[in-house]
Amino acid sequence: MLFFYLAIQGIWIQQRTSHSVMMRAFWVKVFLTTFALHLTLPVRCQFDFGDLIAFNRTSKLNPDVTWFMHWALYVGKGRVSGLENIKKDEEDVFHMNGYVFPKASDCIFGKMNEIPGQPWKFNYLDGKIEVRSTDDMKKVIRQIHKNCWTWDLLMNNCEQIVTYIRYGEKHFEQIGAKSAALCTLKLPTFTLPGENKS
């Protein structure tokens, strides 16, 4: 009888220990997952001056398909030294946008939260091309603000504008979008104020 009682106690203790180990493993997994999200989410949600921001424009019928990406350059809200007289405090991006009177389009400041699509940082040429200094980027912005011709699909588009500001070179890649097929057509781009094409 004593042996039977001890056997039952042993099984109960073993089950309790096994349950405790499983619970501990579960909470460790929860902690590690939360920590991993803490490390990765800010990269997508926080921006520094001069970051390239992509806005995926997707199909209404299939949201997983990106037809093209609109591009902007992050400049930050509030007073920005060197841009005081041309940027409003509530504006936080610089980009080539749609209709701007009296031209069909132009390079202007805007608000990120008013641009369609989920914004995400995509400095895809970092490590391949030297990044301009902040002062040099501001100089280019001042030169082309409301002075960058009109939009052209292949020769003067939003991605070419922001890559020129950040890297000093114009690129049209549309990485991951259906419109990337157009990027194989390499045509001369419009010459921007201050741009040296020698």
N, C-alpha and C. Protein backbone atom coordinates (compact mmCIF):
# COMPACT_ATOMS: atom_id res chain seq x y z
N MET A 1 0.84 -1.20 0.00
CA MET A 1 0.00 0.00 0.00
C MET A 1 0.87 1.25 0.00
N LEU A 2 1.91 1.23 0.85
CA LEU A 2 2.84 2.35 0.93
C LEU A 2 3.54 2.55 -0.42
N PHE A 3 3.93 1.42 -1.05
CA PHE A 3 4.60 1.48 -2.34
C PHE A 3 3.68 2.13 -3.38
N PHE A 4 2.40 1.76 -3.38
CA PHE A 4 1.42 2.29 -4.32
C PHE A 4 1.25 3.80 -4.12
N TYR A 5 1.21 4.21 -2.85
CA TYR A 5 1.06 5.63 -2.52
C TYR A 5 2.26 6.44 -3.00
N LEU A 6 3.48 5.90 -2.76
CA LEU A 6 4.69 6.59 -3.17
C LEU A 6 4.79 6.69 -4.70
N ALA A 7 4.32 5.65 -5.39
CA ALA A 7 4.34 5.65 -6.84
C ALA A 7 3.44 6.76 -7.39
N ILE A 8 2.24 6.90 -6.80
CA ILE A 8 1.32 7.94 -7.24
C ILE A 8 1.90 9.32 -6.98
N GLN A 9 2.52 9.51 -5.81
CA GLN A 9 3.16 10.78 -5.48
C GLN A 9 4.28 11.11 -6.47
N GLY A 10 5.04 10.08 -6.84
CA GLY A 10 6.14 10.28 -7.79
C GLY A 10 5.63 10.74 -9.14
N ILE A 11 4.54 10.12 -9.61
CA ILE A 11 3.95 10.51 -10.90
C ILE A 11 3.44 11.94 -10.84
N TRP A 12 2.79 12.31 -9.72
CA TRP A 12 2.25 13.66 -9.56
C TRP A 12 3.36 14.71 -9.56
N ILE A 13 4.46 14.39 -8.84
CA ILE A 13 5.60 15.31 -8.79
C ILE A 13 6.23 15.46 -10.17
N GLN A 14 6.36 14.32 -10.90
CA GLN A 14 6.95 14.35 -12.24
C GLN A 14 6.10 15.19 -13.19
N GLN A 15 4.76 15.01 -13.13
CA GLN A 15 3.87 15.79 -13.99
C GLN A 15 3.95 17.27 -13.65
N ARG A 16 4.00 17.58 -12.37
CA ARG A 16 4.07 18.97 -11.95
C ARG A 16 5.38 19.60 -12.41
N THR A 17 6.49 18.85 -12.30
CA THR A 17 7.80 19.35 -12.74
C THR A 17 7.80 19.58 -14.25
N SER A 18 7.22 18.62 -14.98
CA SER A 18 7.16 18.74 -16.44
C SER A 18 6.34 19.96 -16.85
N HIS A 19 5.21 20.17 -16.15
CA HIS A 19 4.38 21.34 -16.44
C HIS A 19 5.12 22.64 -16.14
N SER A 20 5.89 22.65 -15.06
CA SER A 20 6.65 23.83 -14.68
C SER A 20 7.72 24.16 -15.73
N VAL A 21 8.39 23.12 -16.24
CA VAL A 21 9.40 23.31 -17.27
C VAL A 21 8.77 23.85 -18.54
N MET A 22 7.61 23.31 -18.92
CA MET A 22 6.91 23.77 -20.12
C MET A 22 6.48 25.23 -20.00
N MET A 23 5.97 25.60 -18.81
CA MET A 23 5.55 26.97 -18.59
C MET A 23 6.74 27.92 -18.64
N ARG A 24 7.86 27.48 -18.07
CA ARG A 24 9.05 28.31 -18.09
C ARG A 24 9.54 28.52 -19.53
N ALA A 25 9.52 27.45 -20.32
CA ALA A 25 9.92 27.54 -21.72
C ALA A 25 8.98 28.47 -22.50
N PHE A 26 7.69 28.40 -22.19
CA PHE A 26 6.70 29.25 -22.85
C PHE A 26 6.98 30.72 -22.58
N TRP A 27 7.24 31.07 -21.31
CA TRP A 27 7.46 32.47 -20.97
C TRP A 27 8.79 32.99 -21.51
N VAL A 28 9.79 32.12 -21.60
CA VAL A 28 11.06 32.50 -22.21
C VAL A 28 10.84 32.84 -23.69
N LYS A 29 10.01 32.01 -24.36
CA LYS A 29 9.70 32.25 -25.77
C LYS A 29 8.96 33.57 -25.95
N VAL A 30 8.00 33.85 -25.07
CA VAL A 30 7.26 35.11 -25.13
C VAL A 30 8.21 36.30 -24.95
N PHE A 31 9.11 36.19 -23.98
CA PHE A 31 10.06 37.27 -23.71
C PHE A 31 10.96 37.52 -24.92
N LEU A 32 11.50 36.43 -25.50
CA LEU A 32 12.41 36.58 -26.63
C LEU A 32 11.71 37.16 -27.85
N THR A 33 10.46 36.74 -28.08
CA THR A 33 9.70 37.28 -29.20
C THR A 33 9.44 38.77 -29.02
N THR A 34 9.05 39.16 -27.80
CA THR A 34 8.80 40.57 -27.51
C THR A 34 10.08 41.39 -27.67
N PHE A 35 11.20 40.84 -27.21
CA PHE A 35 12.48 41.53 -27.32
C PHE A 35 12.88 41.71 -28.79
N ALA A 36 12.64 40.67 -29.60
CA ALA A 36 12.96 40.73 -31.03
C ALA A 36 12.13 41.81 -31.72
N LEU A 37 10.85 41.89 -31.38
CA LEU A 37 9.99 42.92 -31.96
C LEU A 37 10.45 44.31 -31.54
N HIS A 38 10.90 44.43 -30.30
CA HIS A 38 11.40 45.71 -29.79
C HIS A 38 12.60 46.18 -30.60
N LEU A 39 13.43 45.21 -31.03
CA LEU A 39 14.63 45.57 -31.80
C LEU A 39 14.31 45.93 -33.25
N THR A 40 13.31 45.25 -33.83
CA THR A 40 13.06 45.43 -35.26
C THR A 40 12.06 46.53 -35.58
N LEU A 41 11.04 46.73 -34.77
CA LEU A 41 10.00 47.69 -35.11
C LEU A 41 10.50 49.13 -35.25
N PRO A 42 11.37 49.61 -34.36
CA PRO A 42 11.82 50.99 -34.51
C PRO A 42 12.52 51.27 -35.83
N VAL A 43 13.18 50.25 -36.42
CA VAL A 43 13.88 50.45 -37.69
C VAL A 43 12.89 50.85 -38.77
N ARG A 44 11.67 50.28 -38.67
CA ARG A 44 10.66 50.58 -39.67
C ARG A 44 9.90 51.86 -39.36
N CYS A 45 9.84 52.26 -38.10
CA CYS A 45 8.96 53.34 -37.70
C CYS A 45 9.68 54.64 -37.37
N GLN A 46 10.98 54.62 -37.17
CA GLN A 46 11.70 55.83 -36.80
C GLN A 46 12.63 56.25 -37.93
N PHE A 47 12.74 57.55 -38.13
CA PHE A 47 13.50 58.07 -39.26
C PHE A 47 14.49 59.14 -38.81
N ASP A 48 15.57 59.27 -39.57
CA ASP A 48 16.56 60.32 -39.36
C ASP A 48 16.59 61.21 -40.59
N PHE A 49 17.11 62.42 -40.42
CA PHE A 49 17.18 63.35 -41.54
C PHE A 49 17.91 62.69 -42.71
N GLY A 50 17.31 62.80 -43.89
CA GLY A 50 17.93 62.27 -45.10
C GLY A 50 17.58 60.85 -45.43
N ASP A 51 16.80 60.18 -44.57
CA ASP A 51 16.38 58.81 -44.89
C ASP A 51 15.44 58.80 -46.09
N LEU A 52 15.59 57.79 -46.93
CA LEU A 52 14.66 57.58 -48.03
C LEU A 52 13.45 56.84 -47.48
N ILE A 53 12.26 57.33 -47.79
CA ILE A 53 11.03 56.69 -47.33
C ILE A 53 10.24 56.23 -48.54
N ALA A 54 9.91 54.95 -48.55
CA ALA A 54 9.12 54.38 -49.63
C ALA A 54 7.68 54.21 -49.16
N PHE A 55 6.76 54.46 -50.07
CA PHE A 55 5.33 54.28 -49.82
C PHE A 55 4.81 53.30 -50.88
N ASN A 56 4.52 52.07 -50.48
CA ASN A 56 4.04 51.08 -51.44
C ASN A 56 2.64 51.43 -51.93
N ARG A 57 2.47 51.45 -53.22
CA ARG A 57 1.15 51.65 -53.82
C ARG A 57 0.69 50.30 -54.34
N THR A 58 -0.30 49.74 -53.67
CA THR A 58 -0.72 48.37 -53.95
C THR A 58 -2.01 48.31 -54.76
N SER A 59 -2.31 47.11 -55.23
CA SER A 59 -3.54 46.87 -55.97
C SER A 59 -4.70 46.74 -54.99
N LYS A 60 -5.83 47.34 -55.31
CA LYS A 60 -7.01 47.23 -54.45
C LYS A 60 -7.54 45.80 -54.46
N LEU A 61 -7.38 45.12 -55.57
CA LEU A 61 -7.85 43.73 -55.66
C LEU A 61 -6.90 42.76 -54.97
N ASN A 62 -5.62 43.11 -54.94
CA ASN A 62 -4.62 42.25 -54.31
C ASN A 62 -3.61 43.11 -53.55
N PRO A 63 -3.88 43.38 -52.27
CA PRO A 63 -3.01 44.27 -51.48
C PRO A 63 -1.58 43.79 -51.34
N ASP A 64 -1.32 42.51 -51.64
CA ASP A 64 0.03 41.98 -51.53
C ASP A 64 0.90 42.35 -52.75
N VAL A 65 0.27 42.89 -53.78
CA VAL A 65 1.00 43.25 -55.00
C VAL A 65 1.29 44.76 -54.99
N THR A 66 2.57 45.12 -55.04
CA THR A 66 2.97 46.52 -55.10
C THR A 66 3.19 46.90 -56.57
N TRP A 67 2.37 47.83 -57.05
CA TRP A 67 2.51 48.26 -58.45
C TRP A 67 3.68 49.21 -58.61
N PHE A 68 3.79 50.16 -57.68
CA PHE A 68 4.95 51.07 -57.72
C PHE A 68 5.14 51.66 -56.33
N MET A 69 6.26 52.34 -56.14
CA MET A 69 6.56 52.97 -54.86
C MET A 69 6.74 54.47 -55.05
N HIS A 70 6.04 55.24 -54.23
CA HIS A 70 6.31 56.67 -54.18
C HIS A 70 7.44 56.88 -53.19
N TRP A 71 8.26 57.89 -53.44
CA TRP A 71 9.44 58.13 -52.60
C TRP A 71 9.46 59.54 -52.04
N ALA A 72 9.95 59.66 -50.81
CA ALA A 72 10.13 60.96 -50.17
C ALA A 72 11.42 60.92 -49.36
N LEU A 73 11.89 62.09 -48.98
CA LEU A 73 13.09 62.20 -48.14
C LEU A 73 12.65 62.77 -46.79
N TYR A 74 13.05 62.11 -45.71
CA TYR A 74 12.65 62.57 -44.38
C TYR A 74 13.48 63.78 -43.96
N VAL A 75 12.79 64.83 -43.47
CA VAL A 75 13.50 66.03 -42.99
C VAL A 75 13.16 66.34 -41.53
N GLY A 76 12.06 65.78 -41.02
CA GLY A 76 11.70 65.99 -39.62
C GLY A 76 10.76 67.17 -39.42
N LYS A 77 9.98 67.07 -38.36
CA LYS A 77 9.05 68.15 -38.02
C LYS A 77 9.76 69.25 -37.23
N GLY A 78 9.08 70.38 -37.12
CA GLY A 78 9.63 71.49 -36.35
C GLY A 78 10.65 72.28 -37.14
N ARG A 79 11.37 73.13 -36.42
CA ARG A 79 12.37 73.98 -37.06
C ARG A 79 13.59 73.14 -37.43
N VAL A 80 13.99 73.22 -38.69
CA VAL A 80 15.18 72.51 -39.17
C VAL A 80 16.18 73.55 -39.66
N SER A 81 17.32 73.60 -39.02
CA SER A 81 18.34 74.57 -39.38
C SER A 81 18.70 74.45 -40.86
N GLY A 82 18.70 75.59 -41.54
CA GLY A 82 19.02 75.62 -42.95
C GLY A 82 17.80 75.55 -43.86
N LEU A 83 16.65 75.18 -43.27
CA LEU A 83 15.41 75.10 -44.06
C LEU A 83 14.30 75.95 -43.44
N GLU A 84 14.68 76.87 -42.55
CA GLU A 84 13.69 77.63 -41.78
C GLU A 84 12.71 78.41 -42.65
N ASN A 85 13.18 79.01 -43.70
CA ASN A 85 12.34 79.92 -44.48
C ASN A 85 11.49 79.24 -45.54
N ILE A 86 11.68 77.95 -45.72
CA ILE A 86 10.94 77.27 -46.80
C ILE A 86 10.11 76.09 -46.30
N LYS A 87 10.31 75.63 -45.08
CA LYS A 87 9.58 74.49 -44.54
C LYS A 87 8.71 74.89 -43.36
N LYS A 88 7.47 74.43 -43.35
CA LYS A 88 6.59 74.66 -42.21
C LYS A 88 6.87 73.63 -41.11
N ASP A 89 6.59 73.99 -39.86
CA ASP A 89 6.91 73.12 -38.73
C ASP A 89 6.23 71.76 -38.81
N GLU A 90 5.01 71.71 -39.35
CA GLU A 90 4.26 70.45 -39.38
C GLU A 90 4.69 69.54 -40.54
N GLU A 91 5.49 70.05 -41.45
CA GLU A 91 5.95 69.24 -42.59
C GLU A 91 7.17 68.42 -42.19
N ASP A 92 7.21 67.17 -42.63
CA ASP A 92 8.33 66.31 -42.22
C ASP A 92 8.99 65.54 -43.37
N VAL A 93 8.52 65.74 -44.61
CA VAL A 93 9.16 65.09 -45.76
C VAL A 93 9.32 66.07 -46.91
N PHE A 94 10.22 65.72 -47.81
CA PHE A 94 10.43 66.48 -49.05
C PHE A 94 10.30 65.51 -50.19
N HIS A 95 9.50 65.86 -51.21
CA HIS A 95 9.27 64.91 -52.30
C HIS A 95 8.75 65.63 -53.54
N MET A 96 8.75 64.91 -54.65
CA MET A 96 8.10 65.40 -55.86
C MET A 96 6.66 64.90 -55.81
N ASN A 97 5.73 65.85 -55.80
CA ASN A 97 4.34 65.47 -55.63
C ASN A 97 3.51 65.88 -56.85
N GLY A 98 2.24 65.59 -56.78
CA GLY A 98 1.32 65.84 -57.88
C GLY A 98 1.15 67.31 -58.20
N TYR A 99 -0.03 67.71 -58.51
CA TYR A 99 -0.28 69.06 -59.03
C TYR A 99 0.12 70.16 -58.05
N VAL A 100 0.98 71.04 -58.49
CA VAL A 100 1.40 72.21 -57.72
C VAL A 100 1.28 73.41 -58.66
N PHE A 101 0.34 74.29 -58.39
CA PHE A 101 0.09 75.43 -59.27
C PHE A 101 1.35 76.30 -59.41
N PRO A 102 1.68 76.78 -60.61
CA PRO A 102 0.97 76.58 -61.89
C PRO A 102 1.51 75.41 -62.69
N LYS A 103 2.44 74.63 -62.12
CA LYS A 103 3.03 73.51 -62.85
C LYS A 103 2.25 72.23 -62.55
N ALA A 104 2.51 71.21 -63.35
CA ALA A 104 1.82 69.92 -63.15
C ALA A 104 2.34 69.22 -61.89
N SER A 105 3.56 69.47 -61.51
CA SER A 105 4.15 68.86 -60.32
C SER A 105 5.38 69.64 -59.93
N ASP A 106 5.91 69.39 -58.73
CA ASP A 106 7.12 70.08 -58.30
C ASP A 106 7.68 69.41 -57.05
N CYS A 107 8.85 69.86 -56.63
CA CYS A 107 9.49 69.34 -55.42
C CYS A 107 9.10 70.22 -54.25
N ILE A 108 8.40 69.65 -53.30
CA ILE A 108 7.84 70.41 -52.19
C ILE A 108 7.98 69.66 -50.87
N PHE A 109 7.74 70.37 -49.79
CA PHE A 109 7.65 69.73 -48.48
C PHE A 109 6.23 69.23 -48.29
N GLY A 110 6.07 68.23 -47.45
CA GLY A 110 4.74 67.70 -47.19
C GLY A 110 4.69 66.98 -45.86
N LYS A 111 3.54 66.38 -45.58
CA LYS A 111 3.32 65.64 -44.34
C LYS A 111 3.25 64.15 -44.66
N MET A 112 4.06 63.37 -43.97
CA MET A 112 4.12 61.94 -44.22
C MET A 112 2.76 61.27 -44.06
N ASN A 113 2.01 61.71 -43.03
CA ASN A 113 0.72 61.05 -42.76
C ASN A 113 -0.36 61.39 -43.78
N GLU A 114 -0.06 62.27 -44.71
CA GLU A 114 -1.02 62.60 -45.77
C GLU A 114 -0.68 61.93 -47.10
N ILE A 115 0.41 61.17 -47.10
CA ILE A 115 0.82 60.46 -48.32
C ILE A 115 0.28 59.04 -48.26
N PRO A 116 -0.46 58.60 -49.28
CA PRO A 116 -1.02 57.24 -49.27
C PRO A 116 0.06 56.17 -49.18
N GLY A 117 -0.23 55.12 -48.43
CA GLY A 117 0.70 54.01 -48.29
C GLY A 117 1.40 54.01 -46.95
N GLN A 118 1.90 52.84 -46.55
CA GLN A 118 2.62 52.70 -45.28
C GLN A 118 4.08 53.11 -45.46
N PRO A 119 4.54 54.14 -44.75
CA PRO A 119 5.94 54.59 -44.93
C PRO A 119 6.94 53.64 -44.28
N TRP A 120 8.02 53.40 -44.98
CA TRP A 120 9.10 52.58 -44.40
C TRP A 120 10.45 53.04 -44.94
N LYS A 121 11.45 52.96 -44.07
CA LYS A 121 12.79 53.43 -44.43
C LYS A 121 13.45 52.43 -45.38
N PHE A 122 14.01 52.94 -46.49
CA PHE A 122 14.62 52.05 -47.47
C PHE A 122 15.81 52.76 -48.13
N ASN A 123 16.90 52.85 -47.38
CA ASN A 123 18.14 53.45 -47.90
C ASN A 123 18.92 52.38 -48.66
N TYR A 124 18.39 51.97 -49.80
CA TYR A 124 18.87 50.76 -50.47
C TYR A 124 20.25 50.91 -51.12
N LEU A 125 20.76 52.12 -51.20
CA LEU A 125 22.09 52.31 -51.80
C LEU A 125 23.18 52.56 -50.76
N ASP A 126 22.81 52.56 -49.49
CA ASP A 126 23.82 52.72 -48.43
C ASP A 126 24.81 51.56 -48.51
N GLY A 127 26.08 51.87 -48.37
CA GLY A 127 27.11 50.84 -48.47
C GLY A 127 27.61 50.65 -49.90
N LYS A 128 26.85 51.18 -50.86
CA LYS A 128 27.25 51.10 -52.27
C LYS A 128 27.70 52.47 -52.79
N ILE A 129 27.00 53.50 -52.32
CA ILE A 129 27.31 54.87 -52.71
C ILE A 129 27.45 55.71 -51.46
N GLU A 130 28.40 56.60 -51.46
CA GLU A 130 28.62 57.47 -50.30
C GLU A 130 27.42 58.38 -50.08
N VAL A 131 27.02 58.51 -48.82
CA VAL A 131 25.88 59.35 -48.47
C VAL A 131 26.37 60.79 -48.28
N ARG A 132 25.64 61.74 -48.85
CA ARG A 132 26.00 63.15 -48.68
C ARG A 132 25.90 63.54 -47.21
N SER A 133 26.60 64.60 -46.85
CA SER A 133 26.46 65.16 -45.50
C SER A 133 25.08 65.82 -45.38
N THR A 134 24.64 66.00 -44.15
CA THR A 134 23.35 66.66 -43.93
C THR A 134 23.34 68.05 -44.53
N ASP A 135 24.42 68.79 -44.38
CA ASP A 135 24.49 70.15 -44.93
C ASP A 135 24.38 70.13 -46.45
N ASP A 136 25.03 69.16 -47.09
CA ASP A 136 24.95 69.06 -48.56
C ASP A 136 23.54 68.71 -49.01
N MET A 137 22.87 67.83 -48.25
CA MET A 137 21.49 67.49 -48.60
C MET A 137 20.59 68.71 -48.49
N LYS A 138 20.78 69.49 -47.44
CA LYS A 138 19.97 70.70 -47.27
C LYS A 138 20.23 71.70 -48.40
N LYS A 139 21.47 71.78 -48.83
CA LYS A 139 21.81 72.70 -49.94
C LYS A 139 21.06 72.30 -51.21
N VAL A 140 21.03 71.00 -51.50
CA VAL A 140 20.32 70.51 -52.69
C VAL A 140 18.83 70.78 -52.56
N ILE A 141 18.28 70.54 -51.37
CA ILE A 141 16.85 70.79 -51.15
C ILE A 141 16.52 72.25 -51.43
N ARG A 142 17.35 73.16 -50.93
CA ARG A 142 17.11 74.59 -51.17
C ARG A 142 17.17 74.91 -52.67
N GLN A 143 18.09 74.25 -53.39
CA GLN A 143 18.25 74.53 -54.82
C GLN A 143 17.05 74.05 -55.64
N ILE A 144 16.47 72.90 -55.27
CA ILE A 144 15.42 72.33 -56.12
C ILE A 144 14.01 72.53 -55.55
N HIS A 145 13.89 73.15 -54.38
CA HIS A 145 12.56 73.39 -53.82
C HIS A 145 11.73 74.24 -54.77
N LYS A 146 10.61 73.70 -55.21
CA LYS A 146 9.72 74.35 -56.20
C LYS A 146 10.49 74.76 -57.46
N ASN A 147 11.49 73.94 -57.79
CA ASN A 147 12.35 74.29 -58.92
C ASN A 147 12.98 73.03 -59.53
N CYS A 148 12.18 71.98 -59.73
CA CYS A 148 12.76 70.73 -60.24
C CYS A 148 12.04 70.22 -61.48
N TRP A 149 11.59 71.15 -62.32
CA TRP A 149 10.88 70.81 -63.54
C TRP A 149 9.56 70.12 -63.21
N THR A 150 9.03 69.36 -64.15
CA THR A 150 7.80 68.62 -63.92
C THR A 150 8.09 67.13 -63.90
N TRP A 151 7.16 66.37 -63.35
CA TRP A 151 7.34 64.93 -63.22
C TRP A 151 7.39 64.27 -64.59
N ASP A 152 8.29 63.30 -64.73
CA ASP A 152 8.35 62.46 -65.92
C ASP A 152 8.62 61.04 -65.46
N LEU A 153 7.88 60.09 -65.99
CA LEU A 153 7.96 58.70 -65.53
C LEU A 153 9.37 58.15 -65.53
N LEU A 154 10.13 58.43 -66.57
CA LEU A 154 11.46 57.84 -66.71
C LEU A 154 12.61 58.81 -66.50
N MET A 155 12.37 60.11 -66.71
CA MET A 155 13.48 61.06 -66.72
C MET A 155 13.47 62.07 -65.57
N ASN A 156 12.39 62.09 -64.77
CA ASN A 156 12.36 63.04 -63.65
C ASN A 156 11.26 62.63 -62.68
N ASN A 157 11.54 61.59 -61.91
CA ASN A 157 10.51 61.06 -61.00
C ASN A 157 10.94 61.18 -59.53
N CYS A 158 10.03 60.81 -58.65
CA CYS A 158 10.26 61.01 -57.21
C CYS A 158 11.45 60.22 -56.68
N GLU A 159 11.66 59.01 -57.18
CA GLU A 159 12.81 58.21 -56.71
C GLU A 159 14.13 58.81 -57.17
N GLN A 160 14.16 59.32 -58.38
CA GLN A 160 15.38 59.97 -58.87
C GLN A 160 15.71 61.23 -58.07
N ILE A 161 14.67 61.95 -57.67
CA ILE A 161 14.88 63.18 -56.89
C ILE A 161 15.50 62.87 -55.53
N VAL A 162 14.91 61.91 -54.79
CA VAL A 162 15.39 61.67 -53.42
C VAL A 162 16.74 60.97 -53.40
N THR A 163 17.01 60.09 -54.38
CA THR A 163 18.34 59.46 -54.42
C THR A 163 19.40 60.49 -54.79
N TYR A 164 19.04 61.45 -55.62
CA TYR A 164 19.99 62.52 -55.95
C TYR A 164 20.31 63.36 -54.72
N ILE A 165 19.30 63.65 -53.92
CA ILE A 165 19.54 64.44 -52.70
C ILE A 165 20.44 63.68 -51.73
N ARG A 166 20.17 62.39 -51.51
CA ARG A 166 20.91 61.62 -50.51
C ARG A 166 22.30 61.19 -50.99
N TYR A 167 22.39 60.78 -52.26
CA TYR A 167 23.64 60.18 -52.74
C TYR A 167 24.39 61.00 -53.79
N GLY A 168 23.71 61.99 -54.37
CA GLY A 168 24.36 62.73 -55.45
C GLY A 168 24.24 62.04 -56.78
N GLU A 169 23.49 60.95 -56.83
CA GLU A 169 23.25 60.20 -58.06
C GLU A 169 21.76 59.89 -58.17
N LYS A 170 21.24 59.92 -59.38
CA LYS A 170 19.83 59.59 -59.60
C LYS A 170 19.67 58.11 -59.90
N HIS A 171 18.75 57.48 -59.19
CA HIS A 171 18.47 56.06 -59.42
C HIS A 171 16.97 55.84 -59.52
N PHE A 172 16.61 54.93 -60.40
CA PHE A 172 15.22 54.53 -60.60
C PHE A 172 15.20 53.01 -60.64
N GLU A 173 14.88 52.39 -59.50
CA GLU A 173 14.97 50.94 -59.37
C GLU A 173 13.61 50.28 -59.11
N GLN A 174 12.78 50.93 -58.26
CA GLN A 174 11.46 50.37 -57.91
C GLN A 174 11.58 48.91 -57.46
N ILE A 175 12.51 48.66 -56.55
CA ILE A 175 12.80 47.31 -56.10
C ILE A 175 11.57 46.65 -55.48
N GLY A 176 11.21 45.48 -55.99
CA GLY A 176 10.09 44.73 -55.45
C GLY A 176 8.73 45.12 -55.99
N ALA A 177 8.68 46.12 -56.86
CA ALA A 177 7.41 46.57 -57.43
C ALA A 177 7.28 46.10 -58.87
N LYS A 178 6.04 46.01 -59.33
CA LYS A 178 5.78 45.61 -60.71
C LYS A 178 6.43 46.60 -61.69
N SER A 179 6.47 47.86 -61.29
CA SER A 179 7.02 48.89 -62.18
C SER A 179 8.52 48.78 -62.38
N ALA A 180 9.19 47.84 -61.69
CA ALA A 180 10.63 47.66 -61.85
C ALA A 180 10.99 47.32 -63.29
N ALA A 181 10.04 46.76 -64.02
CA ALA A 181 10.30 46.41 -65.43
C ALA A 181 10.61 47.65 -66.26
N LEU A 182 10.04 48.80 -65.86
CA LEU A 182 10.29 50.04 -66.59
C LEU A 182 11.71 50.56 -66.39
N CYS A 183 12.34 50.14 -65.30
CA CYS A 183 13.64 50.69 -64.93
C CYS A 183 14.76 50.22 -65.85
N THR A 184 14.47 49.24 -66.69
CA THR A 184 15.49 48.80 -67.66
C THR A 184 15.66 49.82 -68.78
N LEU A 185 14.66 50.71 -68.92
CA LEU A 185 14.75 51.76 -69.94
C LEU A 185 15.54 52.95 -69.36
N LYS A 186 16.79 53.06 -69.72
CA LYS A 186 17.66 54.10 -69.18
C LYS A 186 17.71 55.28 -70.15
N LEU A 187 17.05 56.37 -69.76
CA LEU A 187 17.03 57.58 -70.58
C LEU A 187 17.73 58.72 -69.84
N PRO A 188 18.21 59.72 -70.56
CA PRO A 188 18.83 60.88 -69.89
C PRO A 188 17.81 61.56 -68.97
N THR A 189 18.25 61.95 -67.79
CA THR A 189 17.35 62.61 -66.86
C THR A 189 17.42 64.13 -67.02
N PHE A 190 16.39 64.80 -66.53
CA PHE A 190 16.39 66.26 -66.56
C PHE A 190 17.54 66.77 -65.68
N THR A 191 18.13 67.87 -66.08
CA THR A 191 19.20 68.47 -65.28
C THR A 191 18.59 69.38 -64.22
N LEU A 192 18.92 69.11 -62.97
CA LEU A 192 18.39 69.89 -61.86
C LEU A 192 19.30 71.08 -61.55
N PRO A 193 18.77 72.13 -60.93
CA PRO A 193 19.60 73.27 -60.54
C PRO A 193 20.77 72.83 -59.65
N GLY A 194 21.97 73.22 -60.01
CA GLY A 194 23.16 72.86 -59.23
C GLY A 194 23.74 71.52 -59.59
N GLU A 195 23.07 70.76 -60.44
CA GLU A 195 23.56 69.41 -60.80
C GLU A 195 24.69 69.50 -61.82
N ASN A 196 25.73 68.75 -61.55
CA ASN A 196 26.88 68.72 -62.47
C ASN A 196 26.89 67.37 -63.17
N LYS A 197 26.65 67.36 -64.48
CA LYS A 197 26.59 66.11 -65.21
C LYS A 197 27.86 65.83 -66.00
N SER A 198 28.93 66.47 -65.67
CA SER A 198 30.18 66.25 -66.41
C SER A 198 30.76 64.88 -66.12
